[in-house]
Amino acid sequence: MIKDLNPIIHGIRVDLTALQTIRHKCRPEVCRDCPSCCSRYVPHVSQSELERIVGYFPLVARYTNSIKNGDGFKNVFEECDDASYCIDAKEDESCVFTYAKPSGETFCALHSVALDRRISPVDLKPKACSLWPLTLSEEAAPELSVDRNWRDFPCNTLSDNGRRMDAGIMNIVASCFGVSFLKQLL
């Protein structure tokens, strides 16, 4: 009997081969010289994610002016066809929540606020952003895999670990789905 290489954990099919193919290490210092993941994608957010993020706008505005509108805040979410919302982009096509440090590194204001508040960035950022470079399909039977454009970004490289998963990928899985999910996957 051939073992299925795509296990199903908590109703999510996992493309294990894809997850073992990639190494990931977020390196903001390289984003100043090339497009970052925060400038190439329009993440979708659920209603609950939108409400959670909006609650942090006063703190987020300390990092980026792109959400401000006079003394208030802009509506930076656009309704999408699939009952979700999309995050707006700035004129340079980067996410409205990105900001650059004086040294040029690109950072996420939501991530920075989460760290300031001593909460996990996964608890504030949209799931689509926390998962990067992994993706979770929106199908009836969701699949966890790797974004098809992962090679376009210097924070991702081809893994030479054989059939072992990279520590960066394991961290993403554990952060987004829990340690028990990761243990079942391994």
N, C-alpha and C. Protein backbone atom coordinates (compact mmCIF):
# COMPACT_ATOMS: atom_id res chain seq x y z
N MET A 1 0.84 -1.18 0.00
CA MET A 1 0.00 0.00 0.00
C MET A 1 0.88 1.24 0.00
N ILE A 2 0.57 2.21 -0.84
CA ILE A 2 1.34 3.45 -0.95
C ILE A 2 0.77 4.47 0.03
N LYS A 3 1.65 5.05 0.83
CA LYS A 3 1.24 6.06 1.80
C LYS A 3 0.96 7.38 1.08
N ASP A 4 -0.15 8.03 1.43
CA ASP A 4 -0.49 9.33 0.85
C ASP A 4 0.52 10.37 1.33
N LEU A 5 1.18 11.04 0.38
CA LEU A 5 2.17 12.06 0.73
C LEU A 5 1.52 13.36 1.14
N ASN A 6 0.21 13.45 0.98
CA ASN A 6 -0.51 14.66 1.35
C ASN A 6 -1.46 14.34 2.50
N PRO A 7 -0.95 14.36 3.72
CA PRO A 7 -1.81 14.04 4.86
C PRO A 7 -2.92 15.06 5.04
N ILE A 8 -3.98 14.63 5.67
CA ILE A 8 -5.09 15.53 6.01
C ILE A 8 -5.08 15.67 7.53
N ILE A 9 -4.90 16.90 7.98
CA ILE A 9 -4.84 17.20 9.41
C ILE A 9 -5.88 18.27 9.71
N HIS A 10 -6.77 18.00 10.62
CA HIS A 10 -7.85 18.93 10.99
C HIS A 10 -8.61 19.39 9.75
N GLY A 11 -8.82 18.50 8.80
CA GLY A 11 -9.58 18.81 7.59
C GLY A 11 -8.79 19.57 6.53
N ILE A 12 -7.51 19.75 6.75
CA ILE A 12 -6.67 20.48 5.78
C ILE A 12 -5.70 19.50 5.14
N ARG A 13 -5.77 19.39 3.81
CA ARG A 13 -4.80 18.57 3.07
C ARG A 13 -3.50 19.36 3.01
N VAL A 14 -2.40 18.70 3.33
CA VAL A 14 -1.10 19.36 3.36
C VAL A 14 -0.23 18.81 2.24
N ASP A 15 0.23 19.70 1.37
CA ASP A 15 1.16 19.32 0.30
C ASP A 15 2.55 19.24 0.92
N LEU A 16 2.81 18.11 1.54
CA LEU A 16 4.05 17.92 2.30
C LEU A 16 5.28 18.07 1.42
N THR A 17 5.23 17.57 0.21
CA THR A 17 6.37 17.69 -0.70
C THR A 17 6.71 19.15 -0.95
N ALA A 18 5.70 19.97 -1.17
CA ALA A 18 5.93 21.40 -1.40
C ALA A 18 6.54 22.06 -0.17
N LEU A 19 6.02 21.74 1.00
CA LEU A 19 6.54 22.33 2.24
C LEU A 19 7.98 21.91 2.51
N GLN A 20 8.37 20.72 2.06
CA GLN A 20 9.74 20.26 2.26
C GLN A 20 10.70 20.82 1.22
N THR A 21 10.18 21.44 0.18
CA THR A 21 10.99 21.96 -0.92
C THR A 21 11.59 23.33 -0.63
N ILE A 22 11.03 24.05 0.31
CA ILE A 22 11.37 25.47 0.50
C ILE A 22 12.01 25.73 1.86
N ARG A 23 12.93 26.69 1.85
CA ARG A 23 13.50 27.25 3.08
C ARG A 23 13.04 28.70 3.13
N HIS A 24 12.68 29.15 4.33
CA HIS A 24 12.20 30.53 4.46
C HIS A 24 12.83 31.20 5.67
N LYS A 25 13.32 32.40 5.44
CA LYS A 25 13.80 33.25 6.54
C LYS A 25 13.50 34.69 6.14
N CYS A 26 12.61 35.31 6.89
CA CYS A 26 12.25 36.70 6.62
C CYS A 26 13.48 37.57 6.86
N ARG A 27 13.84 38.36 5.85
CA ARG A 27 15.00 39.23 5.95
C ARG A 27 14.62 40.62 5.43
N PRO A 28 14.09 41.47 6.30
CA PRO A 28 13.65 42.80 5.87
C PRO A 28 14.74 43.63 5.19
N GLU A 29 15.99 43.37 5.51
CA GLU A 29 17.08 44.17 4.92
C GLU A 29 17.18 43.97 3.41
N VAL A 30 16.69 42.87 2.87
CA VAL A 30 16.76 42.67 1.42
C VAL A 30 15.59 43.31 0.70
N CYS A 31 14.57 43.72 1.42
CA CYS A 31 13.37 44.30 0.80
C CYS A 31 13.63 45.70 0.24
N ARG A 32 14.72 46.32 0.65
CA ARG A 32 14.98 47.67 0.12
C ARG A 32 15.48 47.63 -1.32
N ASP A 33 15.99 46.48 -1.75
CA ASP A 33 16.57 46.37 -3.08
C ASP A 33 15.70 45.59 -4.06
N CYS A 34 14.60 45.03 -3.61
CA CYS A 34 13.75 44.24 -4.49
C CYS A 34 12.33 44.25 -3.94
N PRO A 35 11.37 43.81 -4.75
CA PRO A 35 9.99 43.79 -4.26
C PRO A 35 9.84 42.84 -3.07
N SER A 36 9.04 43.24 -2.12
CA SER A 36 8.77 42.38 -0.96
C SER A 36 7.42 41.71 -1.16
N CYS A 37 7.16 40.70 -0.35
CA CYS A 37 5.86 40.04 -0.42
C CYS A 37 4.74 41.03 -0.09
N CYS A 38 5.07 42.08 0.65
CA CYS A 38 4.08 43.09 1.02
C CYS A 38 3.80 44.07 -0.12
N SER A 39 4.48 43.90 -1.25
CA SER A 39 4.22 44.80 -2.37
C SER A 39 3.74 44.06 -3.60
N ARG A 40 3.59 42.77 -3.50
CA ARG A 40 3.23 42.00 -4.68
C ARG A 40 1.86 41.34 -4.59
N TYR A 41 1.27 41.35 -3.42
CA TYR A 41 0.02 40.63 -3.22
C TYR A 41 -1.03 41.52 -2.59
N VAL A 42 -2.28 41.17 -2.85
CA VAL A 42 -3.41 41.84 -2.21
C VAL A 42 -4.03 40.79 -1.29
N PRO A 43 -3.70 40.85 0.01
CA PRO A 43 -4.24 39.83 0.91
C PRO A 43 -5.73 40.01 1.16
N HIS A 44 -6.40 38.89 1.27
CA HIS A 44 -7.82 38.89 1.62
C HIS A 44 -7.92 38.72 3.13
N VAL A 45 -8.89 39.40 3.71
CA VAL A 45 -9.14 39.29 5.15
C VAL A 45 -10.61 39.00 5.37
N SER A 46 -10.87 38.28 6.44
CA SER A 46 -12.26 37.99 6.81
C SER A 46 -12.83 39.18 7.58
N GLN A 47 -14.12 39.14 7.81
CA GLN A 47 -14.78 40.19 8.59
C GLN A 47 -14.17 40.28 9.99
N SER A 48 -13.92 39.13 10.63
CA SER A 48 -13.36 39.15 11.98
C SER A 48 -11.92 39.69 11.99
N GLU A 49 -11.14 39.35 10.96
CA GLU A 49 -9.78 39.90 10.87
C GLU A 49 -9.82 41.41 10.68
N LEU A 50 -10.73 41.87 9.82
CA LEU A 50 -10.89 43.30 9.58
C LEU A 50 -11.21 44.02 10.88
N GLU A 51 -12.18 43.52 11.62
CA GLU A 51 -12.59 44.17 12.87
C GLU A 51 -11.44 44.19 13.89
N ARG A 52 -10.70 43.11 13.95
CA ARG A 52 -9.56 43.05 14.87
C ARG A 52 -8.50 44.09 14.49
N ILE A 53 -8.19 44.17 13.22
CA ILE A 53 -7.16 45.11 12.74
C ILE A 53 -7.59 46.55 12.97
N VAL A 54 -8.83 46.88 12.64
CA VAL A 54 -9.33 48.25 12.80
C VAL A 54 -9.22 48.70 14.25
N GLY A 55 -9.42 47.79 15.18
CA GLY A 55 -9.30 48.12 16.60
C GLY A 55 -7.90 48.58 16.99
N TYR A 56 -6.92 48.25 16.19
CA TYR A 56 -5.53 48.64 16.46
C TYR A 56 -5.06 49.85 15.63
N PHE A 57 -5.96 50.44 14.85
CA PHE A 57 -5.57 51.56 13.98
C PHE A 57 -4.82 52.68 14.70
N PRO A 58 -5.25 53.11 15.89
CA PRO A 58 -4.49 54.19 16.55
C PRO A 58 -3.01 53.83 16.77
N LEU A 59 -2.74 52.58 17.08
CA LEU A 59 -1.35 52.14 17.28
C LEU A 59 -0.64 51.94 15.94
N VAL A 60 -1.35 51.42 14.95
CA VAL A 60 -0.78 51.20 13.62
C VAL A 60 -0.37 52.54 13.00
N ALA A 61 -1.17 53.58 13.25
CA ALA A 61 -0.90 54.90 12.67
C ALA A 61 0.42 55.49 13.18
N ARG A 62 0.95 54.98 14.27
CA ARG A 62 2.26 55.44 14.74
C ARG A 62 3.37 55.01 13.79
N TYR A 63 3.11 53.97 13.03
CA TYR A 63 4.13 53.45 12.11
C TYR A 63 3.93 53.91 10.66
N THR A 64 2.69 54.09 10.26
CA THR A 64 2.42 54.46 8.87
C THR A 64 1.31 55.50 8.79
N ASN A 65 1.53 56.53 7.98
CA ASN A 65 0.52 57.57 7.77
C ASN A 65 -0.51 57.17 6.72
N SER A 66 -0.27 56.06 6.02
CA SER A 66 -1.14 55.71 4.90
C SER A 66 -2.54 55.27 5.32
N ILE A 67 -2.79 55.12 6.60
CA ILE A 67 -4.16 54.79 7.03
C ILE A 67 -4.88 56.01 7.61
N LYS A 68 -4.16 57.13 7.71
CA LYS A 68 -4.75 58.34 8.30
C LYS A 68 -5.55 59.14 7.27
N ASN A 69 -6.61 59.77 7.79
CA ASN A 69 -7.44 60.66 6.98
C ASN A 69 -7.80 61.83 7.88
N GLY A 70 -6.96 62.87 7.88
CA GLY A 70 -7.17 63.98 8.79
C GLY A 70 -6.99 63.50 10.22
N ASP A 71 -8.01 63.73 11.04
CA ASP A 71 -7.97 63.27 12.43
C ASP A 71 -8.49 61.84 12.60
N GLY A 72 -8.95 61.26 11.50
CA GLY A 72 -9.50 59.90 11.56
C GLY A 72 -8.68 58.93 10.73
N PHE A 73 -9.35 57.89 10.30
CA PHE A 73 -8.68 56.84 9.54
C PHE A 73 -9.43 56.56 8.24
N LYS A 74 -8.68 56.19 7.22
CA LYS A 74 -9.25 55.81 5.94
C LYS A 74 -9.87 54.42 6.05
N ASN A 75 -10.80 54.15 5.15
CA ASN A 75 -11.27 52.78 4.97
C ASN A 75 -10.29 52.12 4.01
N VAL A 76 -9.41 51.29 4.52
CA VAL A 76 -8.36 50.68 3.70
C VAL A 76 -8.73 49.26 3.28
N PHE A 77 -10.00 48.90 3.45
CA PHE A 77 -10.47 47.58 3.07
C PHE A 77 -11.52 47.71 1.99
N GLU A 78 -11.41 46.86 0.99
CA GLU A 78 -12.36 46.87 -0.11
C GLU A 78 -13.06 45.52 -0.15
N GLU A 79 -14.38 45.54 -0.31
CA GLU A 79 -15.12 44.28 -0.36
C GLU A 79 -14.78 43.54 -1.65
N CYS A 80 -14.51 42.25 -1.51
CA CYS A 80 -14.18 41.40 -2.66
C CYS A 80 -15.38 40.55 -3.03
N ASP A 81 -15.29 39.85 -4.13
CA ASP A 81 -16.39 39.04 -4.63
C ASP A 81 -16.72 37.86 -3.75
N ASP A 82 -15.76 37.38 -2.97
CA ASP A 82 -15.94 36.13 -2.21
C ASP A 82 -16.34 36.36 -0.76
N ALA A 83 -16.99 37.46 -0.45
CA ALA A 83 -17.44 37.80 0.90
C ALA A 83 -16.28 38.07 1.86
N SER A 84 -15.11 38.32 1.30
CA SER A 84 -13.98 38.73 2.12
C SER A 84 -13.64 40.17 1.74
N TYR A 85 -12.59 40.68 2.34
CA TYR A 85 -12.15 42.04 2.06
C TYR A 85 -10.70 42.01 1.62
N CYS A 86 -10.32 42.98 0.80
CA CYS A 86 -8.94 43.10 0.34
C CYS A 86 -8.34 44.33 1.00
N ILE A 87 -7.06 44.26 1.29
CA ILE A 87 -6.35 45.40 1.87
C ILE A 87 -5.87 46.28 0.72
N ASP A 88 -6.11 47.58 0.85
CA ASP A 88 -5.66 48.53 -0.17
C ASP A 88 -4.14 48.59 -0.25
N ALA A 89 -3.67 49.12 -1.37
CA ALA A 89 -2.24 49.33 -1.58
C ALA A 89 -1.97 50.82 -1.72
N LYS A 90 -0.75 51.21 -1.41
CA LYS A 90 -0.32 52.60 -1.62
C LYS A 90 0.02 52.80 -3.09
N GLU A 91 0.37 54.02 -3.46
CA GLU A 91 0.69 54.32 -4.86
C GLU A 91 1.84 53.47 -5.39
N ASP A 92 2.78 53.10 -4.53
CA ASP A 92 3.91 52.27 -4.97
C ASP A 92 3.56 50.78 -4.99
N GLU A 93 2.27 50.47 -4.80
CA GLU A 93 1.73 49.12 -4.82
C GLU A 93 2.05 48.29 -3.58
N SER A 94 2.66 48.89 -2.57
CA SER A 94 2.90 48.17 -1.33
C SER A 94 1.66 48.26 -0.45
N CYS A 95 1.52 47.31 0.43
CA CYS A 95 0.39 47.27 1.36
C CYS A 95 0.35 48.55 2.19
N VAL A 96 -0.84 49.02 2.52
CA VAL A 96 -0.98 50.24 3.32
C VAL A 96 -0.38 50.09 4.71
N PHE A 97 -0.15 48.87 5.14
CA PHE A 97 0.42 48.66 6.47
C PHE A 97 1.95 48.56 6.48
N THR A 98 2.57 48.68 5.31
CA THR A 98 4.04 48.64 5.28
C THR A 98 4.61 50.00 5.61
N TYR A 99 5.82 49.97 6.14
CA TYR A 99 6.58 51.19 6.38
C TYR A 99 8.05 50.86 6.25
N ALA A 100 8.84 51.86 5.95
CA ALA A 100 10.28 51.66 5.81
C ALA A 100 11.00 52.32 6.96
N LYS A 101 11.96 51.62 7.50
CA LYS A 101 12.82 52.20 8.52
C LYS A 101 13.80 53.13 7.82
N PRO A 102 14.45 54.05 8.54
CA PRO A 102 15.41 54.96 7.90
C PRO A 102 16.50 54.24 7.11
N SER A 103 16.84 53.03 7.51
CA SER A 103 17.86 52.26 6.81
C SER A 103 17.33 51.59 5.54
N GLY A 104 16.01 51.68 5.31
CA GLY A 104 15.43 51.17 4.08
C GLY A 104 14.71 49.85 4.19
N GLU A 105 14.83 49.14 5.30
CA GLU A 105 14.13 47.87 5.43
C GLU A 105 12.62 48.09 5.46
N THR A 106 11.91 47.16 4.84
CA THR A 106 10.46 47.20 4.81
C THR A 106 9.92 46.37 5.97
N PHE A 107 9.00 46.96 6.73
CA PHE A 107 8.38 46.27 7.86
C PHE A 107 6.87 46.41 7.79
N CYS A 108 6.18 45.56 8.53
CA CYS A 108 4.72 45.57 8.62
C CYS A 108 4.32 46.27 9.92
N ALA A 109 3.49 47.29 9.81
CA ALA A 109 3.03 48.01 11.00
C ALA A 109 2.21 47.10 11.91
N LEU A 110 1.42 46.20 11.34
CA LEU A 110 0.64 45.28 12.17
C LEU A 110 1.57 44.37 12.98
N HIS A 111 2.60 43.88 12.35
CA HIS A 111 3.57 43.01 13.02
C HIS A 111 4.27 43.79 14.14
N SER A 112 4.67 45.02 13.84
CA SER A 112 5.35 45.85 14.83
C SER A 112 4.45 46.15 16.03
N VAL A 113 3.19 46.46 15.77
CA VAL A 113 2.25 46.74 16.86
C VAL A 113 2.07 45.49 17.73
N ALA A 114 1.95 44.33 17.09
CA ALA A 114 1.81 43.09 17.85
C ALA A 114 3.01 42.89 18.78
N LEU A 115 4.20 43.09 18.27
CA LEU A 115 5.39 42.93 19.10
C LEU A 115 5.42 43.96 20.22
N ASP A 116 5.02 45.21 19.93
CA ASP A 116 4.95 46.25 20.96
C ASP A 116 4.00 45.85 22.09
N ARG A 117 2.89 45.23 21.72
CA ARG A 117 1.85 44.85 22.68
C ARG A 117 2.11 43.49 23.32
N ARG A 118 3.21 42.88 22.91
CA ARG A 118 3.60 41.55 23.41
C ARG A 118 2.54 40.48 23.12
N ILE A 119 1.98 40.57 21.90
CA ILE A 119 1.08 39.52 21.43
C ILE A 119 1.71 38.90 20.19
N SER A 120 1.31 37.72 19.86
CA SER A 120 1.84 37.07 18.67
C SER A 120 1.36 37.82 17.43
N PRO A 121 2.25 38.10 16.47
CA PRO A 121 1.81 38.74 15.23
C PRO A 121 0.69 37.98 14.53
N VAL A 122 0.66 36.67 14.70
CA VAL A 122 -0.39 35.84 14.10
C VAL A 122 -1.77 36.22 14.66
N ASP A 123 -1.79 36.74 15.88
CA ASP A 123 -3.06 37.13 16.49
C ASP A 123 -3.56 38.49 16.02
N LEU A 124 -2.76 39.20 15.25
CA LEU A 124 -3.19 40.51 14.73
C LEU A 124 -3.21 40.53 13.21
N LYS A 125 -2.19 40.02 12.59
CA LYS A 125 -2.09 40.07 11.13
C LYS A 125 -3.11 39.15 10.47
N PRO A 126 -3.48 39.45 9.21
CA PRO A 126 -4.34 38.52 8.47
C PRO A 126 -3.64 37.17 8.33
N LYS A 127 -4.42 36.11 8.32
CA LYS A 127 -3.85 34.77 8.19
C LYS A 127 -3.03 34.65 6.90
N ALA A 128 -3.50 35.26 5.83
CA ALA A 128 -2.78 35.19 4.56
C ALA A 128 -1.36 35.75 4.70
N CYS A 129 -1.21 36.78 5.49
CA CYS A 129 0.11 37.40 5.70
C CYS A 129 0.96 36.55 6.64
N SER A 130 0.36 36.02 7.69
CA SER A 130 1.10 35.19 8.64
C SER A 130 1.59 33.91 8.00
N LEU A 131 0.85 33.39 7.04
CA LEU A 131 1.22 32.16 6.37
C LEU A 131 2.36 32.31 5.37
N TRP A 132 2.57 33.48 4.84
CA TRP A 132 3.54 33.68 3.76
C TRP A 132 4.86 33.01 4.07
N PRO A 133 5.46 32.27 3.16
CA PRO A 133 5.14 31.99 1.76
C PRO A 133 4.22 30.79 1.54
N LEU A 134 3.59 30.33 2.60
CA LEU A 134 2.63 29.24 2.46
C LEU A 134 1.27 29.82 2.10
N THR A 135 0.44 28.99 1.54
CA THR A 135 -0.92 29.41 1.20
C THR A 135 -1.91 28.36 1.68
N LEU A 136 -3.09 28.80 1.97
CA LEU A 136 -4.18 27.91 2.34
C LEU A 136 -5.31 28.20 1.37
N SER A 137 -5.64 27.21 0.54
CA SER A 137 -6.68 27.43 -0.46
C SER A 137 -8.02 27.68 0.23
N GLU A 138 -8.89 28.34 -0.47
CA GLU A 138 -10.20 28.69 0.07
C GLU A 138 -11.26 27.68 -0.35
N GLU A 139 -10.84 26.53 -0.84
CA GLU A 139 -11.76 25.51 -1.34
C GLU A 139 -12.52 24.85 -0.20
N ALA A 140 -13.54 24.08 -0.56
CA ALA A 140 -14.32 23.34 0.43
C ALA A 140 -13.42 22.38 1.20
N ALA A 141 -12.45 21.80 0.50
CA ALA A 141 -11.43 20.96 1.14
C ALA A 141 -10.12 21.73 1.03
N PRO A 142 -9.79 22.56 2.02
CA PRO A 142 -8.63 23.43 1.92
C PRO A 142 -7.31 22.65 1.84
N GLU A 143 -6.34 23.26 1.14
CA GLU A 143 -5.01 22.66 1.02
C GLU A 143 -3.96 23.67 1.43
N LEU A 144 -3.04 23.22 2.28
CA LEU A 144 -1.90 24.02 2.69
C LEU A 144 -0.75 23.67 1.75
N SER A 145 -0.22 24.69 1.09
CA SER A 145 0.86 24.47 0.15
C SER A 145 1.80 25.67 0.18
N VAL A 146 2.57 25.82 -0.88
CA VAL A 146 3.52 26.92 -1.01
C VAL A 146 3.05 27.82 -2.14
N ASP A 147 3.15 29.13 -1.95
CA ASP A 147 2.75 30.08 -2.99
C ASP A 147 3.53 29.80 -4.27
N ARG A 148 2.84 29.86 -5.39
CA ARG A 148 3.48 29.51 -6.67
C ARG A 148 4.62 30.45 -7.04
N ASN A 149 4.65 31.65 -6.49
CA ASN A 149 5.70 32.62 -6.82
C ASN A 149 6.78 32.71 -5.74
N TRP A 150 6.93 31.71 -4.91
CA TRP A 150 7.85 31.77 -3.78
C TRP A 150 9.28 32.05 -4.21
N ARG A 151 9.66 31.61 -5.39
CA ARG A 151 11.05 31.79 -5.86
C ARG A 151 11.36 33.25 -6.22
N ASP A 152 10.36 34.09 -6.33
CA ASP A 152 10.57 35.49 -6.70
C ASP A 152 11.11 36.34 -5.55
N PHE A 153 11.24 35.76 -4.37
CA PHE A 153 11.60 36.54 -3.20
C PHE A 153 12.86 35.97 -2.55
N PRO A 154 13.80 36.84 -2.21
CA PRO A 154 15.09 36.37 -1.67
C PRO A 154 15.00 35.75 -0.27
N CYS A 155 13.88 35.89 0.41
CA CYS A 155 13.73 35.26 1.73
C CYS A 155 13.44 33.77 1.61
N ASN A 156 13.20 33.31 0.40
CA ASN A 156 12.90 31.91 0.14
C ASN A 156 13.98 31.30 -0.73
N THR A 157 14.42 30.11 -0.39
CA THR A 157 15.39 29.38 -1.20
C THR A 157 14.97 27.92 -1.28
N LEU A 158 15.55 27.23 -2.23
CA LEU A 158 15.30 25.81 -2.39
C LEU A 158 15.96 25.07 -1.24
N SER A 159 15.24 24.17 -0.63
CA SER A 159 15.75 23.43 0.52
C SER A 159 16.70 22.33 0.07
N ASP A 160 17.73 22.13 0.86
CA ASP A 160 18.64 21.01 0.62
C ASP A 160 18.56 20.02 1.78
N ASN A 161 17.44 20.05 2.50
CA ASN A 161 17.24 19.19 3.66
C ASN A 161 16.66 17.82 3.31
N GLY A 162 16.57 17.51 2.04
CA GLY A 162 15.96 16.24 1.66
C GLY A 162 14.48 16.26 1.98
N ARG A 163 14.03 15.31 2.76
CA ARG A 163 12.60 15.21 3.09
C ARG A 163 12.31 15.81 4.46
N ARG A 164 13.24 16.58 5.01
CA ARG A 164 13.00 17.27 6.29
C ARG A 164 12.50 18.68 6.03
N MET A 165 11.62 19.13 6.88
CA MET A 165 11.05 20.47 6.73
C MET A 165 11.98 21.50 7.37
N ASP A 166 12.12 22.63 6.71
CA ASP A 166 12.93 23.75 7.18
C ASP A 166 12.35 24.33 8.47
N ALA A 167 13.23 24.79 9.36
CA ALA A 167 12.80 25.36 10.64
C ALA A 167 11.90 26.58 10.44
N GLY A 168 12.18 27.40 9.44
CA GLY A 168 11.33 28.57 9.17
C GLY A 168 9.92 28.18 8.76
N ILE A 169 9.80 27.13 7.96
CA ILE A 169 8.49 26.64 7.54
C ILE A 169 7.77 26.01 8.72
N MET A 170 8.51 25.24 9.53
CA MET A 170 7.89 24.64 10.72
C MET A 170 7.37 25.71 11.67
N ASN A 171 8.10 26.80 11.81
CA ASN A 171 7.66 27.89 12.68
C ASN A 171 6.35 28.51 12.18
N ILE A 172 6.25 28.69 10.87
CA ILE A 172 5.02 29.25 10.29
C ILE A 172 3.85 28.31 10.57
N VAL A 173 4.04 27.02 10.31
CA VAL A 173 2.97 26.04 10.52
C VAL A 173 2.55 26.03 11.99
N ALA A 174 3.53 25.98 12.90
CA ALA A 174 3.20 25.95 14.33
C ALA A 174 2.50 27.23 14.77
N SER A 175 2.95 28.38 14.28
CA SER A 175 2.35 29.66 14.66
C SER A 175 0.91 29.79 14.17
N CYS A 176 0.67 29.33 12.95
CA CYS A 176 -0.65 29.52 12.35
C CYS A 176 -1.65 28.41 12.67
N PHE A 177 -1.15 27.18 12.91
CA PHE A 177 -2.06 26.05 13.11
C PHE A 177 -1.88 25.35 14.44
N GLY A 178 -0.82 25.68 15.16
CA GLY A 178 -0.58 25.07 16.46
C GLY A 178 0.49 23.98 16.42
N VAL A 179 1.07 23.76 17.58
CA VAL A 179 2.15 22.77 17.71
C VAL A 179 1.63 21.36 17.45
N SER A 180 0.41 21.05 17.89
CA SER A 180 -0.11 19.70 17.67
C SER A 180 -0.29 19.41 16.17
N PHE A 181 -0.70 20.41 15.41
CA PHE A 181 -0.82 20.27 13.95
C PHE A 181 0.55 19.95 13.37
N LEU A 182 1.58 20.70 13.78
CA LEU A 182 2.92 20.48 13.29
C LEU A 182 3.42 19.08 13.66
N LYS A 183 3.18 18.65 14.90
CA LYS A 183 3.62 17.32 15.33
C LYS A 183 2.96 16.23 14.48
N GLN A 184 1.69 16.40 14.19
CA GLN A 184 1.02 15.42 13.33
C GLN A 184 1.60 15.42 11.93
N LEU A 185 1.99 16.59 11.46
CA LEU A 185 2.57 16.72 10.13
C LEU A 185 3.93 16.05 10.05
N LEU A 186 4.70 16.20 11.12
CA LEU A 186 6.05 15.62 11.15
C LEU A 186 5.99 14.13 11.41
